[in-house]
Every structure is written in structure tokens, then in C-alpha cells.
Amino acid sequence: MNPFKDCSENVIRSNTENGIRPEFVTNVDEKWKNLIIKCWSQDPSQRPNFTQICDTLENDLIDDSIDVNTFNTFKNMINRDHEI
């Protein structure tokens, strides 16, 4: 699915800046919708950081559809890249 199919970069930017988001397909689980909506909040202070996203995924969203090894590899990579 391409939510902005046939849109120019300028239209996508304008839509995003004006709070226009693509519609969800009907079979998206509410837990996923809630996480996505938080991530694309217009107010940056309302967006979860990567730790919060990973915590939500680990505690609420990981199921048989997610490869846990891939997830953990990605999470470790992000943690390693953000160490000071």
C-alpha cells in the first residue's frame, strides 16, 4: 500500500504539515493504529521516543507476525547508535 501514491513531494509535505494523514486499511489492529497515530502526532512532544516505541512493541505488539530476532537486532543497533 502506498498512502501517497501519485502525490508530489510538495503535496506530501503540505499534507503532513497540515495534519493530513493517510487513512488506515480496515484490518489494522487498534494497538498498531494507536502507536502509529502517536508517532505521527503534529506535536513533537507527544511523539514517543525509540525506547518508548520498543517498549510498546515488546509489551503489546510482538506476536507471531514479527520476527523477534530481527526486532532485537534493530533495537540493539538503535541503542548502540544512541549511546554517548
N, C-alpha and C. Protein backbone atom coordinates (compact mmCIF):
# COMPACT_ATOMS: atom_id res chain seq x y z
N MET A 1 0.83 -1.18 0.00
CA MET A 1 0.00 0.00 0.00
C MET A 1 0.87 1.24 0.00
N ASN A 2 0.56 2.18 -0.83
CA ASN A 2 1.27 3.45 -0.89
C ASN A 2 0.27 4.56 -0.60
N PRO A 3 0.26 5.09 0.63
CA PRO A 3 -0.78 6.04 1.02
C PRO A 3 -0.73 7.36 0.27
N PHE A 4 0.41 7.71 -0.29
CA PHE A 4 0.52 8.97 -1.02
C PHE A 4 0.83 8.73 -2.50
N LYS A 5 0.32 7.64 -3.03
CA LYS A 5 0.56 7.30 -4.42
C LYS A 5 0.13 8.46 -5.32
N ASP A 6 0.92 8.73 -6.32
CA ASP A 6 0.65 9.77 -7.31
C ASP A 6 0.66 11.19 -6.74
N CYS A 7 1.26 11.38 -5.57
CA CYS A 7 1.39 12.72 -5.00
C CYS A 7 2.84 13.18 -5.14
N SER A 8 3.01 14.45 -5.42
CA SER A 8 4.36 15.00 -5.48
C SER A 8 4.90 15.18 -4.07
N GLU A 9 6.19 15.36 -3.98
CA GLU A 9 6.82 15.57 -2.68
C GLU A 9 6.23 16.81 -2.00
N ASN A 10 5.94 17.85 -2.78
CA ASN A 10 5.37 19.07 -2.22
C ASN A 10 3.98 18.83 -1.63
N VAL A 11 3.18 18.03 -2.30
CA VAL A 11 1.83 17.71 -1.80
C VAL A 11 1.94 16.90 -0.51
N ILE A 12 2.84 15.93 -0.49
CA ILE A 12 3.04 15.12 0.70
C ILE A 12 3.47 16.01 1.87
N ARG A 13 4.43 16.89 1.63
CA ARG A 13 4.92 17.79 2.68
C ARG A 13 3.79 18.68 3.17
N SER A 14 3.04 19.26 2.26
CA SER A 14 1.92 20.13 2.63
C SER A 14 0.87 19.37 3.44
N ASN A 15 0.52 18.18 2.98
CA ASN A 15 -0.46 17.37 3.71
C ASN A 15 0.02 17.10 5.14
N THR A 16 1.27 16.70 5.25
CA THR A 16 1.83 16.37 6.56
C THR A 16 1.85 17.59 7.47
N GLU A 17 2.28 18.72 6.94
CA GLU A 17 2.34 19.94 7.73
C GLU A 17 0.95 20.39 8.18
N ASN A 18 -0.07 20.05 7.41
CA ASN A 18 -1.44 20.44 7.74
C ASN A 18 -2.20 19.34 8.48
N GLY A 19 -1.48 18.33 8.95
CA GLY A 19 -2.10 17.28 9.77
C GLY A 19 -2.90 16.27 8.99
N ILE A 20 -2.76 16.25 7.67
CA ILE A 20 -3.48 15.28 6.85
C ILE A 20 -2.68 13.99 6.83
N ARG A 21 -3.31 12.93 7.27
CA ARG A 21 -2.66 11.63 7.33
C ARG A 21 -3.44 10.64 6.47
N PRO A 22 -2.77 9.61 5.98
CA PRO A 22 -3.49 8.60 5.18
C PRO A 22 -4.48 7.85 6.06
N GLU A 23 -5.49 7.31 5.43
CA GLU A 23 -6.47 6.50 6.15
C GLU A 23 -5.90 5.11 6.36
N PHE A 24 -6.32 4.49 7.43
CA PHE A 24 -5.91 3.13 7.72
C PHE A 24 -6.76 2.15 6.91
N VAL A 25 -6.13 1.07 6.52
CA VAL A 25 -6.91 -0.01 5.91
C VAL A 25 -7.75 -0.62 7.03
N THR A 26 -8.82 -1.25 6.67
CA THR A 26 -9.79 -1.71 7.67
C THR A 26 -9.27 -2.79 8.60
N ASN A 27 -8.25 -3.54 8.19
CA ASN A 27 -7.81 -4.65 9.02
C ASN A 27 -6.60 -4.35 9.90
N VAL A 28 -6.32 -3.08 10.16
CA VAL A 28 -5.20 -2.74 11.03
C VAL A 28 -5.67 -2.80 12.48
N ASP A 29 -4.95 -3.55 13.29
CA ASP A 29 -5.29 -3.70 14.70
C ASP A 29 -5.24 -2.34 15.41
N GLU A 30 -6.14 -2.15 16.36
CA GLU A 30 -6.22 -0.88 17.11
C GLU A 30 -4.91 -0.55 17.83
N LYS A 31 -4.21 -1.55 18.34
CA LYS A 31 -2.95 -1.30 19.03
C LYS A 31 -1.92 -0.69 18.09
N TRP A 32 -1.87 -1.21 16.84
CA TRP A 32 -0.96 -0.66 15.85
C TRP A 32 -1.38 0.75 15.47
N LYS A 33 -2.67 0.94 15.27
CA LYS A 33 -3.18 2.29 14.92
C LYS A 33 -2.77 3.30 15.98
N ASN A 34 -2.96 2.93 17.24
CA ASN A 34 -2.63 3.85 18.33
C ASN A 34 -1.16 4.23 18.32
N LEU A 35 -0.29 3.26 18.12
CA LEU A 35 1.15 3.55 18.06
C LEU A 35 1.47 4.45 16.88
N ILE A 36 0.93 4.15 15.73
CA ILE A 36 1.19 4.95 14.53
C ILE A 36 0.70 6.38 14.72
N ILE A 37 -0.49 6.53 15.26
CA ILE A 37 -1.06 7.87 15.48
C ILE A 37 -0.17 8.67 16.43
N LYS A 38 0.34 8.03 17.47
CA LYS A 38 1.25 8.72 18.38
C LYS A 38 2.52 9.15 17.65
N CYS A 39 3.04 8.28 16.78
CA CYS A 39 4.29 8.57 16.07
C CYS A 39 4.16 9.72 15.09
N TRP A 40 2.98 9.92 14.52
CA TRP A 40 2.84 10.99 13.54
C TRP A 40 2.12 12.22 14.10
N SER A 41 2.11 12.34 15.42
CA SER A 41 1.48 13.49 16.06
C SER A 41 2.07 14.79 15.53
N GLN A 42 1.23 15.80 15.34
CA GLN A 42 1.70 17.12 14.92
C GLN A 42 2.59 17.74 15.99
N ASP A 43 2.33 17.41 17.24
CA ASP A 43 3.10 17.96 18.36
C ASP A 43 4.25 17.01 18.68
N PRO A 44 5.48 17.41 18.37
CA PRO A 44 6.63 16.53 18.60
C PRO A 44 6.74 16.03 20.04
N SER A 45 6.29 16.81 21.01
CA SER A 45 6.38 16.38 22.40
C SER A 45 5.43 15.23 22.70
N GLN A 46 4.46 14.98 21.82
CA GLN A 46 3.51 13.89 22.00
C GLN A 46 3.97 12.59 21.33
N ARG A 47 5.05 12.69 20.55
CA ARG A 47 5.56 11.50 19.84
C ARG A 47 6.43 10.67 20.78
N PRO A 48 6.29 9.35 20.72
CA PRO A 48 7.15 8.51 21.57
C PRO A 48 8.57 8.49 21.04
N ASN A 49 9.53 8.34 21.95
CA ASN A 49 10.90 8.17 21.51
C ASN A 49 11.11 6.69 21.17
N PHE A 50 12.30 6.34 20.70
CA PHE A 50 12.54 4.96 20.26
C PHE A 50 12.44 3.97 21.42
N THR A 51 12.86 4.37 22.59
CA THR A 51 12.74 3.47 23.74
C THR A 51 11.27 3.18 24.03
N GLN A 52 10.44 4.21 23.99
CA GLN A 52 9.01 4.02 24.23
C GLN A 52 8.38 3.16 23.13
N ILE A 53 8.79 3.38 21.90
CA ILE A 53 8.27 2.57 20.79
C ILE A 53 8.65 1.10 20.99
N CYS A 54 9.92 0.86 21.31
CA CYS A 54 10.37 -0.52 21.52
C CYS A 54 9.64 -1.15 22.70
N ASP A 55 9.44 -0.40 23.77
CA ASP A 55 8.72 -0.93 24.92
C ASP A 55 7.29 -1.31 24.53
N THR A 56 6.63 -0.45 23.77
CA THR A 56 5.27 -0.74 23.32
C THR A 56 5.26 -1.99 22.45
N LEU A 57 6.21 -2.08 21.54
CA LEU A 57 6.28 -3.26 20.68
C LEU A 57 6.50 -4.53 21.51
N GLU A 58 7.45 -4.48 22.42
CA GLU A 58 7.76 -5.66 23.22
C GLU A 58 6.61 -6.07 24.14
N ASN A 59 5.94 -5.09 24.72
CA ASN A 59 4.92 -5.39 25.71
C ASN A 59 3.53 -5.63 25.14
N ASP A 60 3.24 -5.02 24.00
CA ASP A 60 1.87 -5.05 23.49
C ASP A 60 1.71 -5.60 22.09
N LEU A 61 2.73 -5.53 21.27
CA LEU A 61 2.51 -5.78 19.85
C LEU A 61 3.26 -6.95 19.24
N ILE A 62 4.30 -7.42 19.89
CA ILE A 62 5.04 -8.53 19.29
C ILE A 62 4.18 -9.78 19.32
N ASP A 63 4.04 -10.38 18.17
CA ASP A 63 3.30 -11.63 18.04
C ASP A 63 3.99 -12.47 16.98
N ASP A 64 3.33 -13.48 16.50
CA ASP A 64 3.94 -14.38 15.51
C ASP A 64 4.25 -13.70 14.18
N SER A 65 3.66 -12.53 13.95
CA SER A 65 3.90 -11.85 12.67
C SER A 65 5.22 -11.06 12.67
N ILE A 66 5.86 -10.95 13.82
CA ILE A 66 7.11 -10.19 13.93
C ILE A 66 8.25 -11.15 14.25
N ASP A 67 9.31 -11.04 13.48
CA ASP A 67 10.50 -11.84 13.73
C ASP A 67 11.25 -11.20 14.90
N VAL A 68 11.22 -11.85 16.04
CA VAL A 68 11.80 -11.30 17.26
C VAL A 68 13.29 -11.08 17.11
N ASN A 69 14.00 -11.97 16.43
CA ASN A 69 15.45 -11.79 16.23
C ASN A 69 15.75 -10.53 15.43
N THR A 70 14.98 -10.30 14.38
CA THR A 70 15.17 -9.09 13.58
C THR A 70 14.87 -7.85 14.41
N PHE A 71 13.78 -7.91 15.16
CA PHE A 71 13.42 -6.80 16.04
C PHE A 71 14.55 -6.51 17.03
N ASN A 72 15.05 -7.53 17.68
CA ASN A 72 16.12 -7.33 18.68
C ASN A 72 17.40 -6.81 18.05
N THR A 73 17.72 -7.27 16.86
CA THR A 73 18.90 -6.77 16.15
C THR A 73 18.74 -5.28 15.87
N PHE A 74 17.56 -4.89 15.38
CA PHE A 74 17.29 -3.48 15.09
C PHE A 74 17.34 -2.65 16.37
N LYS A 75 16.72 -3.14 17.42
CA LYS A 75 16.70 -2.43 18.70
C LYS A 75 18.11 -2.24 19.23
N ASN A 76 18.92 -3.27 19.18
CA ASN A 76 20.30 -3.17 19.65
C ASN A 76 21.11 -2.20 18.80
N MET A 77 20.87 -2.18 17.51
CA MET A 77 21.55 -1.25 16.62
C MET A 77 21.21 0.19 16.99
N ILE A 78 19.92 0.46 17.23
CA ILE A 78 19.50 1.81 17.60
C ILE A 78 20.10 2.19 18.95
N ASN A 79 20.04 1.31 19.91
CA ASN A 79 20.61 1.59 21.22
C ASN A 79 22.10 1.88 21.13
N ARG A 80 22.81 1.10 20.34
CA ARG A 80 24.24 1.28 20.15
C ARG A 80 24.54 2.63 19.48
N ASP A 81 23.74 3.00 18.50
CA ASP A 81 23.96 4.26 17.77
C ASP A 81 23.65 5.49 18.61
N HIS A 82 22.86 5.33 19.67
CA HIS A 82 22.48 6.48 20.50
C HIS A 82 23.19 6.53 21.84
N GLU A 83 24.18 5.65 22.01
CA GLU A 83 24.97 5.70 23.24
C GLU A 83 25.91 6.89 23.18
N ILE A 84 26.15 7.45 24.32
CA ILE A 84 27.06 8.61 24.39
C ILE A 84 28.35 8.20 25.05
